[in-house]
Each structure stands twice: as structure tokens, then as C-alpha cells.
Amino acid sequence: MSGLRRQVLAAFTGEQVPTGRREHLLALGAAELAHARRPAGGAASTSRDVQVIALQEFGLLLDDRAAAAALAERQLSTVR
């Protein structure tokens, strides 16, 4: 299991993760899922995609800023 998956699972199950960090990790998990679920060669995931997935998968309401930040962080981590 990847490091991000472990962190998201811990945040989702509430394992001693501070509230602000929990939201951040779940937003990153939603951004990763949005990327993974897009059709091959399809358009890039949007902050709206991240918001929908965060709500459906984690019961988390994200604002546009948090969703966009998670997407940007996800893109930066794949460049490194």
C-alpha cells in the first residue's frame, strides 16, 4: 500500500489525525482518485471532480480552494 493510501486510510478512520490534517489528506486522496478515474487521454481532472469524489467517498465537503490546492499538490508530486 502506498504512503498516500495509508495516510488517507488513517485520516478516514480517524486514527489520531488532527482535523486540519485529516481534511487535507482526504482532499489529496480525492484528487488522486479523480486522476485515476478519468478516461485515458481524457481531460484533466477539475476541482469539481475532486469535490464530488470527496463527498461521495469520504463524506467530506470541500470548497473550491481546498479542491484546487489538492489537485495542484497532486500534480507537483507527480513531477518530482
Protein backbone atom coordinates (compact mmCIF):
# COMPACT_ATOMS: atom_id res chain seq x y z
CA MET A 1 0.00 0.00 0.00
CA SER A 2 1.40 3.39 -0.97
CA GLY A 3 2.24 6.05 1.58
CA LEU A 4 -0.63 8.27 0.47
CA ARG A 5 -3.11 5.40 0.70
CA ARG A 6 -2.01 4.64 4.25
CA GLN A 7 -2.32 8.28 5.25
CA VAL A 8 -5.75 8.63 3.65
CA LEU A 9 -6.95 5.44 5.32
CA ALA A 10 -5.71 6.68 8.69
CA ALA A 11 -7.43 10.03 8.15
CA PHE A 12 -10.67 8.37 7.06
CA THR A 13 -10.78 6.03 10.04
CA GLY A 14 -9.84 8.84 12.44
CA GLU A 15 -6.60 7.38 13.73
CA GLN A 16 -5.16 10.28 15.73
CA VAL A 17 -5.06 12.67 12.78
CA PRO A 18 -5.67 16.35 13.63
CA THR A 19 -8.78 17.79 11.97
CA GLY A 20 -6.98 20.16 9.56
CA ARG A 21 -4.54 17.47 8.51
CA ARG A 22 -7.42 14.99 8.12
CA GLU A 23 -9.22 17.24 5.62
CA HIS A 24 -6.01 17.84 3.72
CA LEU A 25 -5.22 14.13 3.42
CA LEU A 26 -8.76 13.27 2.33
CA ALA A 27 -8.64 16.05 -0.26
CA LEU A 28 -5.38 14.60 -1.60
CA GLY A 29 -6.98 11.16 -1.72
CA ALA A 30 -9.93 12.57 -3.66
CA ALA A 31 -7.55 14.31 -6.09
CA GLU A 32 -5.72 11.04 -6.65
CA LEU A 33 -8.99 9.19 -7.24
CA ALA A 34 -10.17 11.90 -9.64
CA HIS A 35 -6.98 11.48 -11.63
CA ALA A 36 -7.17 7.68 -11.60
CA ARG A 37 -10.82 7.62 -12.69
CA ARG A 38 -10.51 9.93 -15.69
CA PRO A 39 -10.63 8.23 -19.07
CA ALA A 40 -7.29 7.52 -20.73
CA GLY A 41 -6.39 10.55 -22.80
CA GLY A 42 -9.38 12.41 -21.35
CA ALA A 43 -9.46 15.91 -19.99
CA ALA A 44 -7.58 16.66 -16.79
CA SER A 45 -9.46 16.35 -13.53
CA THR A 46 -11.06 19.50 -12.19
CA SER A 47 -11.62 20.82 -8.69
CA ARG A 48 -15.31 19.94 -9.17
CA ASP A 49 -14.31 16.30 -9.80
CA VAL A 50 -12.33 16.35 -6.56
CA GLN A 51 -15.26 17.85 -4.66
CA VAL A 52 -17.70 15.20 -5.93
CA ILE A 53 -15.34 12.34 -5.08
CA ALA A 54 -14.54 13.77 -1.64
CA LEU A 55 -18.25 13.91 -0.85
CA GLN A 56 -19.12 10.50 -2.31
CA GLU A 57 -16.16 8.56 -0.96
CA PHE A 58 -15.32 10.34 2.29
CA GLY A 59 -18.41 12.37 3.19
CA LEU A 60 -16.26 15.49 3.06
CA LEU A 61 -17.45 18.84 1.72
CA LEU A 62 -14.54 20.67 0.12
CA ASP A 63 -14.57 24.26 -1.05
CA ASP A 64 -13.11 25.21 -4.43
CA ARG A 65 -9.88 26.43 -2.86
CA ALA A 66 -9.18 23.19 -0.98
CA ALA A 67 -10.03 21.05 -4.02
CA ALA A 68 -7.84 23.13 -6.34
CA ALA A 69 -4.98 23.04 -3.83
CA ALA A 70 -5.20 19.24 -3.59
CA LEU A 71 -5.09 18.95 -7.39
CA ALA A 72 -2.09 21.27 -7.58
CA GLU A 73 -0.26 19.34 -4.86
CA ARG A 74 -1.03 16.06 -6.62
CA GLN A 75 0.37 17.41 -9.88
CA LEU A 76 3.51 18.68 -8.16
CA SER A 77 4.11 15.31 -6.52
CA THR A 78 3.96 13.50 -9.87
CA VAL A 79 6.51 15.89 -11.41
CA ARG A 80 9.13 15.21 -8.73
